[in-house]
Amino acid sequence: MDILSRRCVSALMASLLLFGCGGGSGGGGGAGIPLAGSPTGQGSSGQNNGGQTAGNASGGGTQGGTGGTSGGTAPVPATVAMANKLGKPSRVLFGLGATSIDDMKSQDIHPDIVERYLVGVGSGAWPTWNSPDGAYVTYSAQATDAYGAVPMFTLYQMTANGEGNLSSINDPTFMNKYWGQVRLMYQRIAEWGKPALVNVEPDFWGFAASQAPGRDLTKMAASVSGQPECSTLPNTVAGLGQCFVQMGRKVAPKTLIGFPPAFWNGTPVEVAAMMRAAGANQADFIVAQTSDRDAGCREVASPPAECQNGSAPFYWDATNQTSPNFHDNQKQYSDYRAALGNGLPILWWQTPMGVPSDTPGGTDQHYRDNRVDYMLTNTQEYGDMHTIGLVFSAGGSHQTSISTDGGQFARLSAQYLARGGAALK
């Protein structure tokens, strides 16, 4: 039986709790900015399924058009074009993961995006969670859509042999199973028939770059060309990334695809070059992160296993005077976006949900953090840097969630909507 990382095990358990085995309707890194996008590894609190977003069948992202053909209308910003494809208003969107729709209903929270994980390869993997195979995607998308949100799926299959273990990526037997599940995800999205978002393999790109010769993804072998949708692509990790996009365009053209960079292998400009080789610039959006853990979880004297990485300080300076802070993190992704090219929108993902406090630490599921507070009250800063949305979730079983935050998320998201939202740029 394939071995799952702790993140995958947590995602699997919460997924089964939310949707059961027969369908259902319910719904950073470490310290400071240099580690944003670092391996999160120790267990998501269990985001399960996600959804589709209207993609563009010809490839090349969600760039806006030119308006009219004869009136000289200004181009539509890529963020606005993406919101239009999703059927959402032209403002910075917000979303939730690792949370049942019933819990959202209980607090009258109405996100634009609901995100779920798809984990494992083979026995016990996500296609087996419902019947027929892959119906988990269908049920999740239907439930999310019924609640007025767009489904987002985080594909996290590469940890099937253990986090950072990439020994099977050039094994045709394993990779045929792997690609078969990727195709099944796209097929279920296509059958559903509406837009959905796909976040492609968080952490994998960082591990691959750290193991590739010279950090060159074109020089690390991977099984790709055996898939009919990708028969002309190179058998490398670079070709693997390109295959995600190419298969998605062919099988489920309404799907919007995003790649999450990992900055532990270089500067934003260097990482952008790596990710361009993998076709990230031909996707539809960029997946950005702050951290996936509440700062306070890493500050306590004896942190749980999922918080035993990184180095202090962990709590960000909301005045943006000392590091780590929000403006430094924003600049990191703005630099990456500029270097990647193609002007893709940014979607922030798995943002921790703790409540601000002047007292370091906290207690289990009640650790301090200030990212929800800052990002939902200073949202225009994110809109100004081409953000399409902010997705929040507990990145581990010990982290704060909407069930333990004292109503913070419900209050701040309602206030955000009451203000009319932040403008897209």
Protein backbone atom coordinates (compact mmCIF):
# COMPACT_ATOMS: atom_id res chain seq x y z
CA MET A 1 0.00 0.00 0.00
CA ASP A 2 1.30 3.41 -0.84
CA ILE A 3 2.59 5.52 2.04
CA LEU A 4 1.01 8.94 2.51
CA SER A 5 2.62 11.97 4.11
CA ARG A 6 1.14 13.32 7.32
CA ARG A 7 -0.47 16.12 5.31
CA CYS A 8 -2.16 13.50 3.13
CA VAL A 9 -3.35 11.42 6.07
CA SER A 10 -4.97 14.47 7.66
CA ALA A 11 -6.57 15.44 4.36
CA LEU A 12 -7.87 11.91 3.87
CA MET A 13 -9.42 11.71 7.33
CA ALA A 14 -11.17 15.06 7.09
CA SER A 15 -12.34 14.29 3.56
CA LEU A 16 -14.03 11.12 4.70
CA LEU A 17 -15.61 12.93 7.64
CA LEU A 18 -17.01 15.64 5.38
CA PHE A 19 -18.31 13.46 2.56
CA GLY A 20 -18.26 9.86 3.78
CA CYS A 21 -17.89 6.93 1.45
CA GLY A 22 -21.01 7.33 -0.62
CA GLY A 23 -21.22 10.98 -1.46
CA GLY A 24 -22.58 13.87 0.51
CA SER A 25 -23.69 17.43 0.42
CA GLY A 26 -21.94 19.03 3.34
CA GLY A 27 -19.91 20.87 3.06
CA GLY A 28 5.06 28.26 5.29
CA GLY A 29 6.71 27.78 5.85
CA GLY A 30 8.62 28.79 8.83
CA ALA A 31 9.76 32.07 10.07
CA GLY A 32 9.78 35.09 7.94
CA ILE A 33 9.50 35.76 4.30
CA PRO A 34 12.40 33.72 2.91
CA LEU A 35 10.51 30.53 3.77
CA ALA A 36 7.19 31.39 2.18
CA GLY A 37 6.28 28.43 0.05
CA SER A 38 8.54 26.11 2.03
CA PRO A 39 7.62 22.44 2.55
CA THR A 40 4.52 22.32 4.67
CA GLY A 41 4.70 18.60 5.05
CA GLN A 42 3.13 17.98 8.39
CA GLY A 43 -0.51 17.55 7.73
CA SER A 44 -3.27 19.63 6.36
CA SER A 45 -6.34 19.77 8.48
CA GLY A 46 -8.07 18.10 5.63
CA GLN A 47 -9.20 20.13 2.77
CA ASN A 48 -10.84 17.73 0.42
CA ASN A 49 -12.33 18.44 -2.90
CA GLY A 50 -12.23 21.46 -4.96
CA GLY A 51 -13.71 22.69 -8.12
CA GLN A 52 -13.38 23.90 -11.59
CA THR A 53 -12.78 27.22 -13.00
CA ALA A 54 -13.45 28.20 -16.49
CA GLY A 55 -10.25 27.68 -18.30
CA ASN A 56 -9.04 28.58 -21.63
CA ALA A 57 -8.80 25.80 -24.11
CA SER A 58 -5.99 27.27 -26.11
CA GLY A 59 -3.58 27.58 -23.21
CA GLY A 60 -1.79 30.66 -22.10
CA GLY A 61 -3.59 31.67 -18.95
CA THR A 62 -6.47 33.98 -18.19
CA GLN A 63 -5.33 37.09 -19.94
CA GLY A 64 -8.14 39.48 -20.72
CA GLY A 65 -9.16 40.35 -24.23
CA THR A 66 -9.03 43.67 -25.96
CA GLY A 67 -12.61 44.67 -25.47
CA GLY A 68 -14.35 45.60 -28.68
CA THR A 69 -12.88 45.03 -32.09
CA SER A 70 -13.34 48.53 -33.39
CA GLY A 71 -13.68 50.92 -30.48
CA GLY A 72 -10.18 50.81 -29.05
CA THR A 73 -11.44 49.59 -25.68
CA ALA A 74 -8.78 49.07 -23.02
CA PRO A 75 -7.73 45.46 -22.37
CA VAL A 76 -9.59 43.62 -19.64
CA PRO A 77 -7.25 42.93 -16.68
CA ALA A 78 -6.40 39.26 -16.23
CA THR A 79 -7.95 39.29 -12.76
CA VAL A 80 -11.25 40.63 -14.10
CA ALA A 81 -11.21 38.12 -16.95
CA MET A 82 -10.70 35.31 -14.46
CA ALA A 83 -13.51 36.53 -12.20
CA ASN A 84 -15.79 36.67 -15.25
CA LYS A 85 -14.92 33.09 -16.16
CA LEU A 86 -15.73 32.02 -12.62
CA GLY A 87 -19.04 33.87 -12.73
CA LYS A 88 -17.96 35.98 -9.77
CA PRO A 89 -18.03 39.74 -9.13
CA SER A 90 -15.08 41.91 -10.12
CA ARG A 91 -13.56 42.20 -6.66
CA VAL A 92 -10.93 40.27 -4.73
CA LEU A 93 -12.62 36.96 -3.89
CA PHE A 94 -12.27 35.05 -0.65
CA GLY A 95 -12.48 31.36 0.09
CA LEU A 96 -12.26 28.64 2.71
CA GLY A 97 -10.74 25.17 2.82
CA ALA A 98 -10.67 22.41 5.43
CA THR A 99 -14.18 23.44 6.50
CA SER A 100 -17.53 21.77 5.97
CA ILE A 101 -20.26 23.72 4.25
CA ASP A 102 -22.50 23.01 7.23
CA ASP A 103 -20.02 24.84 9.47
CA MET A 104 -20.01 27.77 7.04
CA LYS A 105 -23.82 27.83 7.07
CA SER A 106 -23.89 27.85 10.87
CA GLN A 107 -21.98 31.15 10.89
CA ASP A 108 -23.61 32.59 7.75
CA ILE A 109 -20.25 32.62 5.93
CA HIS A 110 -20.60 32.70 2.15
CA PRO A 111 -17.19 32.27 0.49
CA ASP A 112 -16.57 32.67 -3.21
CA ILE A 113 -14.31 29.59 -3.28
CA VAL A 114 -14.40 26.30 -1.36
CA GLU A 115 -11.20 24.25 -1.54
CA ARG A 116 -10.59 20.52 -1.02
CA TYR A 117 -7.61 18.15 -1.25
CA LEU A 118 -7.18 15.17 -3.58
CA VAL A 119 -4.51 12.85 -2.17
CA GLY A 120 -2.90 9.46 -2.72
CA VAL A 121 -2.21 7.13 -5.64
CA GLY A 122 -3.67 3.64 -5.89
CA SER A 123 -5.26 1.87 -2.93
CA GLY A 124 -7.11 4.26 -0.63
CA ALA A 125 -6.48 7.29 -2.85
CA TRP A 126 -9.10 9.95 -3.54
CA PRO A 127 -10.77 8.16 -6.53
CA THR A 128 -11.88 5.43 -4.10
CA TRP A 129 -13.52 7.75 -1.58
CA ASN A 130 -16.87 7.61 -3.38
CA SER A 131 -18.54 5.45 -5.98
CA PRO A 132 -18.13 5.43 -8.92
CA ASP A 133 -14.41 6.17 -9.02
CA GLY A 134 -13.70 9.86 -8.84
CA ALA A 135 -17.21 10.81 -7.75
CA TYR A 136 -15.71 12.69 -4.83
CA VAL A 137 -14.90 15.47 -7.29
CA THR A 138 -18.46 15.42 -8.58
CA TYR A 139 -20.10 15.47 -5.14
CA SER A 140 -17.75 18.17 -3.87
CA ALA A 141 -18.28 20.37 -6.90
CA GLN A 142 -22.04 19.98 -6.72
CA ALA A 143 -22.19 20.79 -3.00
CA THR A 144 -19.91 23.79 -3.42
CA ASP A 145 -21.85 25.11 -6.39
CA ALA A 146 -25.15 24.68 -4.54
CA TYR A 147 -23.75 26.94 -1.82
CA GLY A 148 -22.88 29.61 -4.38
CA ALA A 149 -19.12 29.04 -4.46
CA VAL A 150 -16.56 27.88 -7.00
CA PRO A 151 -14.88 24.54 -6.20
CA MET A 152 -11.09 24.40 -5.91
CA PHE A 153 -9.14 21.15 -5.84
CA THR A 154 -5.61 20.90 -4.47
CA LEU A 155 -4.02 17.93 -6.21
CA TYR A 156 -1.55 16.41 -3.74
CA GLN A 157 -0.72 12.99 -5.18
CA MET A 158 3.07 13.23 -5.37
CA THR A 159 3.45 12.39 -1.67
CA ALA A 160 2.04 8.89 -2.20
CA ASN A 161 5.47 7.35 -1.49
CA GLY A 162 6.31 9.80 1.29
CA GLU A 163 6.92 13.51 1.27
CA GLY A 164 9.92 14.44 -0.84
CA ASN A 165 10.31 10.86 -2.13
CA LEU A 166 10.36 11.29 -5.91
CA SER A 167 11.79 7.86 -6.69
CA SER A 168 8.72 6.79 -8.68
CA ILE A 169 8.29 9.75 -11.04
CA ASN A 170 10.14 7.89 -13.80
CA ASP A 171 8.47 4.53 -13.07
CA PRO A 172 5.90 3.93 -15.86
CA THR A 173 3.76 1.64 -13.67
CA PHE A 174 3.41 4.17 -10.88
CA MET A 175 3.07 7.14 -13.23
CA ASN A 176 0.38 5.46 -15.33
CA LYS A 177 -1.68 5.22 -12.13
CA TYR A 178 -0.76 8.78 -11.26
CA TRP A 179 -1.70 10.20 -14.65
CA GLY A 180 -4.84 8.06 -14.76
CA GLN A 181 -6.04 9.81 -11.61
CA VAL A 182 -5.15 13.24 -12.97
CA ARG A 183 -7.15 12.45 -16.10
CA LEU A 184 -10.03 11.16 -13.96
CA MET A 185 -10.08 14.43 -12.01
CA TYR A 186 -10.29 16.40 -15.24
CA GLN A 187 -12.95 14.06 -16.64
CA ARG A 188 -15.16 14.45 -13.57
CA ILE A 189 -14.78 18.22 -13.76
CA ALA A 190 -15.63 18.18 -17.47
CA GLU A 191 -18.72 16.04 -16.84
CA TRP A 192 -19.85 18.46 -14.14
CA GLY A 193 -19.61 21.15 -16.80
CA LYS A 194 -18.81 24.29 -14.83
CA PRO A 195 -15.63 26.22 -13.93
CA ALA A 196 -13.29 24.83 -11.28
CA LEU A 197 -9.83 25.67 -9.93
CA VAL A 198 -6.95 23.20 -9.66
CA ASN A 199 -3.87 23.81 -7.51
CA VAL A 200 -1.11 21.56 -8.89
CA GLU A 201 1.03 19.62 -6.41
CA PRO A 202 2.12 21.97 -3.61
CA ASP A 203 5.65 21.25 -2.30
CA PHE A 204 6.50 18.93 -5.21
CA TRP A 205 8.11 21.65 -7.31
CA GLY A 206 10.42 22.62 -4.48
CA PHE A 207 11.45 19.03 -3.79
CA ALA A 208 11.97 18.40 -7.51
CA ALA A 209 14.16 21.49 -7.93
CA SER A 210 16.25 20.53 -4.89
CA GLN A 211 16.86 17.05 -6.36
CA ALA A 212 17.29 17.99 -10.04
CA PRO A 213 20.82 18.38 -11.44
CA GLY A 214 21.69 22.04 -11.14
CA ARG A 215 18.09 22.67 -10.04
CA ASP A 216 17.16 22.29 -13.70
CA LEU A 217 13.77 20.61 -14.12
CA THR A 218 14.59 19.82 -17.75
CA LYS A 219 17.35 17.48 -16.54
CA MET A 220 15.31 15.36 -14.12
CA ALA A 221 13.65 12.32 -15.70
CA ALA A 222 9.91 11.72 -15.33
CA SER A 223 7.39 9.55 -17.17
CA VAL A 224 5.24 11.82 -19.34
CA SER A 225 5.01 10.97 -23.03
CA GLY A 226 3.17 7.69 -22.48
CA GLN A 227 0.01 9.71 -21.89
CA PRO A 228 -1.88 10.32 -25.15
CA GLU A 229 -2.58 13.96 -24.29
CA CYS A 230 1.15 14.57 -23.74
CA SER A 231 2.82 12.30 -26.29
CA THR A 232 4.98 15.10 -27.73
CA LEU A 233 6.27 16.38 -24.38
CA PRO A 234 9.70 15.54 -22.94
CA ASN A 235 10.06 12.86 -20.28
CA THR A 236 11.29 15.28 -17.64
CA VAL A 237 9.84 17.11 -14.65
CA ALA A 238 9.54 20.13 -16.94
CA GLY A 239 7.45 18.02 -19.31
CA LEU A 240 5.42 16.76 -16.35
CA GLY A 241 4.38 20.30 -15.48
CA GLN A 242 3.52 21.04 -19.08
CA CYS A 243 1.41 17.86 -19.20
CA PHE A 244 -0.80 19.08 -16.36
CA VAL A 245 -1.72 22.10 -18.46
CA GLN A 246 -1.98 20.27 -21.77
CA MET A 247 -4.13 17.46 -20.38
CA GLY A 248 -6.38 19.94 -18.64
CA ARG A 249 -6.91 21.99 -21.80
CA LYS A 250 -7.82 18.87 -23.78
CA VAL A 251 -9.97 17.02 -21.23
CA ALA A 252 -11.57 19.81 -19.15
CA PRO A 253 -11.17 23.17 -20.88
CA LYS A 254 -13.25 25.00 -18.27
CA THR A 255 -10.71 24.14 -15.58
CA LEU A 256 -8.39 26.92 -14.40
CA ILE A 257 -4.96 25.67 -13.37
CA GLY A 258 -2.42 27.18 -10.99
CA PHE A 259 1.10 26.24 -9.87
CA PRO A 260 2.49 26.97 -6.37
CA PRO A 261 6.17 28.02 -6.42
CA ALA A 262 8.49 27.01 -3.58
CA PHE A 263 11.02 29.67 -2.69
CA TRP A 264 13.41 27.54 -0.67
CA ASN A 265 15.42 26.86 -3.85
CA GLY A 266 16.30 30.39 -4.86
CA THR A 267 15.20 33.95 -5.37
CA PRO A 268 11.80 34.73 -6.88
CA VAL A 269 13.48 35.38 -10.24
CA GLU A 270 15.41 32.09 -10.11
CA VAL A 271 12.32 30.11 -9.07
CA ALA A 272 10.31 31.76 -11.86
CA ALA A 273 12.84 30.47 -14.39
CA MET A 274 12.45 26.94 -13.01
CA MET A 275 8.66 27.16 -13.09
CA ARG A 276 8.59 28.58 -16.63
CA ALA A 277 10.36 25.43 -17.77
CA ALA A 278 7.49 23.45 -16.20
CA GLY A 279 4.86 25.49 -18.04
CA ALA A 280 3.66 27.51 -15.05
CA ASN A 281 3.50 30.65 -17.19
CA GLN A 282 1.00 28.87 -19.47
CA ALA A 283 -1.36 28.14 -16.57
CA ASP A 284 -4.21 30.41 -15.48
CA PHE A 285 -3.06 31.73 -12.11
CA ILE A 286 -0.24 31.69 -9.56
CA VAL A 287 -0.76 30.00 -6.19
CA ALA A 288 0.77 32.08 -3.37
CA GLN A 289 1.27 31.35 0.33
CA THR A 290 2.07 33.18 3.53
CA SER A 291 2.43 30.19 5.86
CA ASP A 292 0.20 27.21 6.51
CA ARG A 293 0.57 27.34 10.29
CA ASP A 294 -0.58 29.80 12.93
CA ALA A 295 2.45 31.75 14.13
CA GLY A 296 1.64 30.94 17.75
CA CYS A 297 1.78 27.20 17.11
CA ARG A 298 5.50 27.55 16.42
CA GLU A 299 6.03 29.90 19.38
CA VAL A 300 4.94 27.59 22.21
CA ALA A 301 7.58 25.83 24.30
CA SER A 302 6.56 22.36 23.09
CA PRO A 303 4.93 22.74 19.69
CA PRO A 304 3.03 19.86 18.08
CA ALA A 305 4.90 17.96 15.39
CA GLU A 306 3.23 19.90 12.60
CA CYS A 307 4.75 23.14 13.96
CA GLN A 308 8.32 22.00 14.59
CA ASN A 309 9.95 23.68 11.62
CA GLY A 310 11.18 27.16 10.82
CA SER A 311 12.99 29.67 12.97
CA ALA A 312 11.76 32.70 14.90
CA PRO A 313 10.30 35.26 14.61
CA PHE A 314 7.05 33.82 13.34
CA TYR A 315 4.49 36.55 14.02
CA TRP A 316 4.39 39.10 11.21
CA ASP A 317 4.69 42.83 11.80
CA ALA A 318 1.38 44.38 10.73
CA THR A 319 3.02 47.84 10.62
CA ASN A 320 5.46 46.49 7.99
CA GLN A 321 8.43 48.08 9.74
CA THR A 322 10.33 44.96 10.81
CA SER A 323 10.73 41.55 9.23
CA PRO A 324 8.86 39.28 8.79
CA ASN A 325 5.99 41.40 7.46
CA PHE A 326 3.23 41.49 4.88
CA HIS A 327 4.81 43.88 2.41
CA ASP A 328 7.93 41.72 2.13
CA ASN A 329 5.76 38.70 1.37
CA GLN A 330 3.78 40.65 -1.21
CA LYS A 331 6.98 41.80 -2.91
CA GLN A 332 8.24 38.23 -3.09
CA TYR A 333 5.24 37.17 -5.15
CA SER A 334 5.11 40.37 -7.20
CA ASP A 335 8.74 39.76 -8.20
CA TYR A 336 7.96 36.14 -9.03
CA ARG A 337 4.92 37.11 -11.10
CA ALA A 338 6.91 39.68 -13.10
CA ALA A 339 9.70 37.20 -13.78
CA LEU A 340 7.34 34.35 -14.68
CA GLY A 341 5.67 36.42 -17.38
CA ASN A 342 2.23 36.26 -18.98
CA GLY A 343 0.66 38.53 -16.34
CA LEU A 344 -1.16 35.82 -14.39
CA PRO A 345 -3.50 36.60 -11.47
CA ILE A 346 -2.41 35.56 -7.96
CA LEU A 347 -4.53 33.34 -5.71
CA TRP A 348 -3.44 33.17 -2.06
CA TRP A 349 -4.00 29.71 -0.59
CA GLN A 350 -4.06 27.89 2.76
CA THR A 351 -3.66 31.09 4.75
CA PRO A 352 -3.73 30.43 8.53
CA MET A 353 -6.71 31.55 10.60
CA GLY A 354 -5.42 32.47 14.07
CA VAL A 355 -6.56 35.54 16.00
CA PRO A 356 -4.17 38.46 16.71
CA SER A 357 -2.69 38.72 20.19
CA ASP A 358 0.19 40.52 21.89
CA THR A 359 0.91 37.34 23.82
CA PRO A 360 3.05 34.78 21.98
CA GLY A 361 1.85 31.21 21.57
CA GLY A 362 -1.63 30.10 22.50
CA THR A 363 -3.31 26.75 22.99
CA ASP A 364 -4.30 23.90 20.70
CA GLN A 365 -6.52 25.20 17.86
CA HIS A 366 -6.38 28.67 19.43
CA TYR A 367 -2.90 29.86 18.47
CA ARG A 368 -2.30 33.50 17.66
CA ASP A 369 -1.87 34.77 14.12
CA ASN A 370 -2.72 38.01 12.32
CA ARG A 371 -3.05 37.05 8.67
CA VAL A 372 -6.84 36.85 8.50
CA ASP A 373 -7.09 40.18 10.31
CA TYR A 374 -4.54 41.92 8.07
CA MET A 375 -5.57 40.45 4.74
CA LEU A 376 -9.32 41.03 5.17
CA THR A 377 -8.82 44.60 6.39
CA ASN A 378 -6.04 45.60 3.97
CA THR A 379 -7.37 43.68 1.01
CA GLN A 380 -6.85 46.46 -1.50
CA GLU A 381 -3.09 46.02 -1.07
CA TYR A 382 -3.61 42.55 -2.52
CA GLY A 383 -5.94 43.75 -5.22
CA ASP A 384 -3.31 46.27 -6.30
CA MET A 385 -0.78 43.45 -6.85
CA HIS A 386 -3.08 41.53 -9.22
CA THR A 387 -4.63 39.19 -6.65
CA ILE A 388 -7.81 37.40 -7.72
CA GLY A 389 -8.58 35.84 -4.34
CA LEU A 390 -7.58 34.91 -0.79
CA VAL A 391 -8.28 31.35 0.39
CA PHE A 392 -7.98 30.65 4.13
CA SER A 393 -7.75 27.32 5.93
CA ALA A 394 -6.19 25.49 8.84
CA GLY A 395 -3.04 23.86 7.49
CA GLY A 396 -2.95 21.21 10.20
CA SER A 397 -5.14 19.53 12.79
CA HIS A 398 -3.84 21.74 15.62
CA GLN A 399 -4.46 25.05 13.85
CA THR A 400 -7.20 27.62 14.34
CA SER A 401 -10.34 27.22 12.22
CA ILE A 402 -13.69 28.97 11.90
CA SER A 403 -14.92 26.65 14.65
CA THR A 404 -12.30 27.91 17.12
CA ASP A 405 -11.59 31.52 16.09
CA GLY A 406 -14.35 33.12 18.17
CA GLY A 407 -16.18 34.29 15.08
CA GLN A 408 -13.25 36.29 13.67
CA PHE A 409 -13.55 35.05 10.10
CA ALA A 410 -17.34 35.41 9.99
CA ARG A 411 -17.10 38.98 11.28
CA LEU A 412 -14.23 40.15 9.08
CA SER A 413 -15.50 38.51 5.88
CA ALA A 414 -18.96 40.05 6.43
CA GLN A 415 -17.37 43.47 6.98
CA TYR A 416 -15.28 43.01 3.85
CA LEU A 417 -18.36 42.30 1.76
CA ALA A 418 -20.27 45.17 3.38
CA ARG A 419 -17.51 47.53 2.20
CA GLY A 420 -18.03 46.32 -1.35
CA GLY A 421 -14.78 44.39 -1.61
CA ALA A 422 -11.37 45.33 -2.99
CA ALA A 423 -11.06 46.29 -6.64
CA LEU A 424 -9.29 44.02 -9.09
CA LYS A 425 -6.33 45.44 -10.99
